[in-house]
Amino acid sequence: MSVEVITKEDLQAFRNDLLNDIKSLLGKKIEAPKEWLKAAEVRKLLKISAGTLLTLRATGKLQYSKIGGTYYYRYQDIQSTLVNGNKGHE
C-alpha cells in the first residue's frame, strides 16, 4: 500500500481547476426550446410514434395548429399535457 502526500499547493491547484470548470459550465448559454415544434420534433422529444401523436391530437389531449399540411405544437402545451396527463396515474 502506497501513501501519497498532498500539499496545500496541490489542494489550491485543485480548487482553482474546479472553480474554472464551474465558471465555464455556468458561462455556457442554455438554449431555450423553440416555441413551436413540428410533428417530427414532438415525436422525438416525447419518444412516441406517429400513430401515438395522431391519437393525442385526435382525442384533443394535445393542442395543435395546422398551417398548410404541417402540424405545429406549442412547447408549453406539450409540457402542460405531460403534467396534467400524469395526475390520474399517481
C-alpha atoms as a PDB file:
ATOM      1  CA  MET A   1       0.000   0.000   0.000  1.00  0.00           C
ATOM      2  CA  SER A   2       1.474   3.312  -1.056  1.00  0.00           C
ATOM      3  CA  VAL A   3       0.951   6.629   0.644  1.00  0.00           C
ATOM      4  CA  GLU A   4       0.661   9.837  -1.364  1.00  0.00           C
ATOM      5  CA  VAL A   5       1.282  13.187   0.260  1.00  0.00           C
ATOM      6  CA  ILE A   6      -0.994  16.046  -0.756  1.00  0.00           C
ATOM      7  CA  THR A   7       0.276  19.533  -0.122  1.00  0.00           C
ATOM      8  CA  LYS A   8      -1.585  22.789   0.336  1.00  0.00           C
ATOM      9  CA  GLU A   9      -0.396  23.797  -3.126  1.00  0.00           C
ATOM     10  CA  ASP A  10      -1.962  20.638  -4.591  1.00  0.00           C
ATOM     11  CA  LEU A  11      -5.261  21.477  -2.905  1.00  0.00           C
ATOM     12  CA  GLN A  12      -5.073  25.091  -4.097  1.00  0.00           C
ATOM     13  CA  ALA A  13      -4.428  23.943  -7.681  1.00  0.00           C
ATOM     14  CA  PHE A  14      -7.363  21.518  -7.468  1.00  0.00           C
ATOM     15  CA  ARG A  15      -9.580  24.294  -6.097  1.00  0.00           C
ATOM     16  CA  ASN A  16      -8.605  26.638  -8.946  1.00  0.00           C
ATOM     17  CA  ASP A  17      -9.235  23.945 -11.564  1.00  0.00           C
ATOM     18  CA  LEU A  18     -12.611  23.135 -10.053  1.00  0.00           C
ATOM     19  CA  LEU A  19     -13.658  26.797  -9.912  1.00  0.00           C
ATOM     20  CA  ASN A  20     -12.608  27.310 -13.535  1.00  0.00           C
ATOM     21  CA  ASP A  21     -14.630  24.257 -14.598  1.00  0.00           C
ATOM     22  CA  ILE A  22     -17.704  25.544 -12.752  1.00  0.00           C
ATOM     23  CA  LYS A  23     -17.321  29.014 -14.259  1.00  0.00           C
ATOM     24  CA  SER A  24     -17.088  27.583 -17.762  1.00  0.00           C
ATOM     25  CA  LEU A  25     -20.225  25.494 -17.215  1.00  0.00           C
ATOM     26  CA  LEU A  26     -22.177  28.450 -15.855  1.00  0.00           C
ATOM     27  CA  GLY A  27     -20.984  30.661 -18.687  1.00  0.00           C
ATOM     28  CA  LYS A  28     -22.498  28.440 -21.369  1.00  0.00           C
ATOM     29  CA  LYS A  29     -25.760  29.607 -22.828  1.00  0.00           C
ATOM     30  CA  ILE A  30     -28.665  27.284 -22.234  1.00  0.00           C
ATOM     31  CA  GLU A  31     -30.703  27.215 -25.397  1.00  0.00           C
ATOM     32  CA  ALA A  32     -34.393  27.752 -24.773  1.00  0.00           C
ATOM     33  CA  PRO A  33     -36.683  25.365 -26.611  1.00  0.00           C
ATOM     34  CA  LYS A  34     -38.455  26.682 -29.672  1.00  0.00           C
ATOM     35  CA  GLU A  35     -41.975  27.914 -29.025  1.00  0.00           C
ATOM     36  CA  TRP A  36     -43.458  25.883 -31.906  1.00  0.00           C
ATOM     37  CA  LEU A  37     -42.377  22.362 -32.815  1.00  0.00           C
ATOM     38  CA  LYS A  38     -43.150  20.271 -35.877  1.00  0.00           C
ATOM     39  CA  ALA A  39     -44.595  16.767 -35.523  1.00  0.00           C
ATOM     40  CA  ALA A  40     -41.227  15.022 -36.019  1.00  0.00           C
ATOM     41  CA  GLU A  41     -39.676  17.151 -33.273  1.00  0.00           C
ATOM     42  CA  VAL A  42     -42.545  16.345 -30.889  1.00  0.00           C
ATOM     43  CA  ARG A  43     -42.254  12.613 -31.621  1.00  0.00           C
ATOM     44  CA  LYS A  44     -38.526  12.730 -30.931  1.00  0.00           C
ATOM     45  CA  LEU A  45     -38.999  14.802 -27.754  1.00  0.00           C
ATOM     46  CA  LEU A  46     -41.682  12.510 -26.342  1.00  0.00           C
ATOM     47  CA  LYS A  47     -40.230   9.315 -27.855  1.00  0.00           C
ATOM     48  CA  ILE A  48     -43.570   8.357 -29.375  1.00  0.00           C
ATOM     49  CA  SER A  49     -44.690   7.034 -32.739  1.00  0.00           C
ATOM     50  CA  ALA A  50     -46.577   8.953 -35.403  1.00  0.00           C
ATOM     51  CA  GLY A  51     -49.690   6.946 -34.507  1.00  0.00           C
ATOM     52  CA  THR A  52     -49.484   7.914 -30.852  1.00  0.00           C
ATOM     53  CA  LEU A  53     -49.094  11.572 -31.790  1.00  0.00           C
ATOM     54  CA  LEU A  54     -52.116  11.250 -34.070  1.00  0.00           C
ATOM     55  CA  THR A  55     -54.116   9.751 -31.182  1.00  0.00           C
ATOM     56  CA  LEU A  56     -53.120  12.588 -28.839  1.00  0.00           C
ATOM     57  CA  ARG A  57     -54.163  15.100 -31.482  1.00  0.00           C
ATOM     58  CA  ALA A  58     -57.448  13.333 -32.388  1.00  0.00           C
ATOM     59  CA  THR A  59     -58.546  12.915 -28.761  1.00  0.00           C
ATOM     60  CA  GLY A  60     -57.838  16.566 -28.001  1.00  0.00           C
ATOM     61  CA  LYS A  61     -55.166  15.742 -25.436  1.00  0.00           C
ATOM     62  CA  LEU A  62     -52.588  17.766 -27.352  1.00  0.00           C
ATOM     63  CA  GLN A  63     -53.423  21.112 -28.922  1.00  0.00           C
ATOM     64  CA  TYR A  64     -52.028  21.903 -32.362  1.00  0.00           C
ATOM     65  CA  SER A  65     -52.150  24.333 -35.240  1.00  0.00           C
ATOM     66  CA  LYS A  66     -52.131  23.289 -38.856  1.00  0.00           C
ATOM     67  CA  ILE A  67     -50.605  25.533 -41.475  1.00  0.00           C
ATOM     68  CA  GLY A  68     -50.830  24.145 -44.961  1.00  0.00           C
ATOM     69  CA  GLY A  69     -50.165  20.461 -44.497  1.00  0.00           C
ATOM     70  CA  THR A  70     -47.865  20.845 -41.483  1.00  0.00           C
ATOM     71  CA  TYR A  71     -48.897  20.387 -37.863  1.00  0.00           C
ATOM     72  CA  TYR A  72     -47.291  22.598 -35.232  1.00  0.00           C
ATOM     73  CA  TYR A  73     -47.379  22.106 -31.478  1.00  0.00           C
ATOM     74  CA  ARG A  74     -46.572  24.668 -28.790  1.00  0.00           C
ATOM     75  CA  TYR A  75     -43.821  23.548 -26.423  1.00  0.00           C
ATOM     76  CA  GLN A  76     -45.809  24.950 -23.483  1.00  0.00           C
ATOM     77  CA  ASP A  77     -48.864  22.862 -24.468  1.00  0.00           C
ATOM     78  CA  ILE A  78     -46.712  19.732 -24.588  1.00  0.00           C
ATOM     79  CA  GLN A  79     -45.409  20.430 -21.082  1.00  0.00           C
ATOM     80  CA  SER A  80     -48.939  21.054 -19.801  1.00  0.00           C
ATOM     81  CA  THR A  81     -50.151  17.798 -21.337  1.00  0.00           C
ATOM     82  CA  LEU A  82     -47.350  15.878 -19.660  1.00  0.00           C
ATOM     83  CA  VAL A  83     -48.007  17.429 -16.233  1.00  0.00           C
ATOM     84  CA  ASN A  84     -51.806  17.233 -16.371  1.00  0.00           C
ATOM     85  CA  GLY A  85     -51.873  13.900 -18.152  1.00  0.00           C
ATOM     86  CA  ASN A  86     -49.959  12.174 -15.352  1.00  0.00           C
ATOM     87  CA  LYS A  87     -52.160  13.374 -12.480  1.00  0.00           C
ATOM     88  CA  GLY A  88     -54.538  10.469 -12.804  1.00  0.00           C
ATOM     89  CA  HIS A  89     -51.684   7.935 -12.532  1.00  0.00           C
ATOM     90  CA  GLU A  90     -50.334   8.959  -9.111  1.00  0.00           C
END
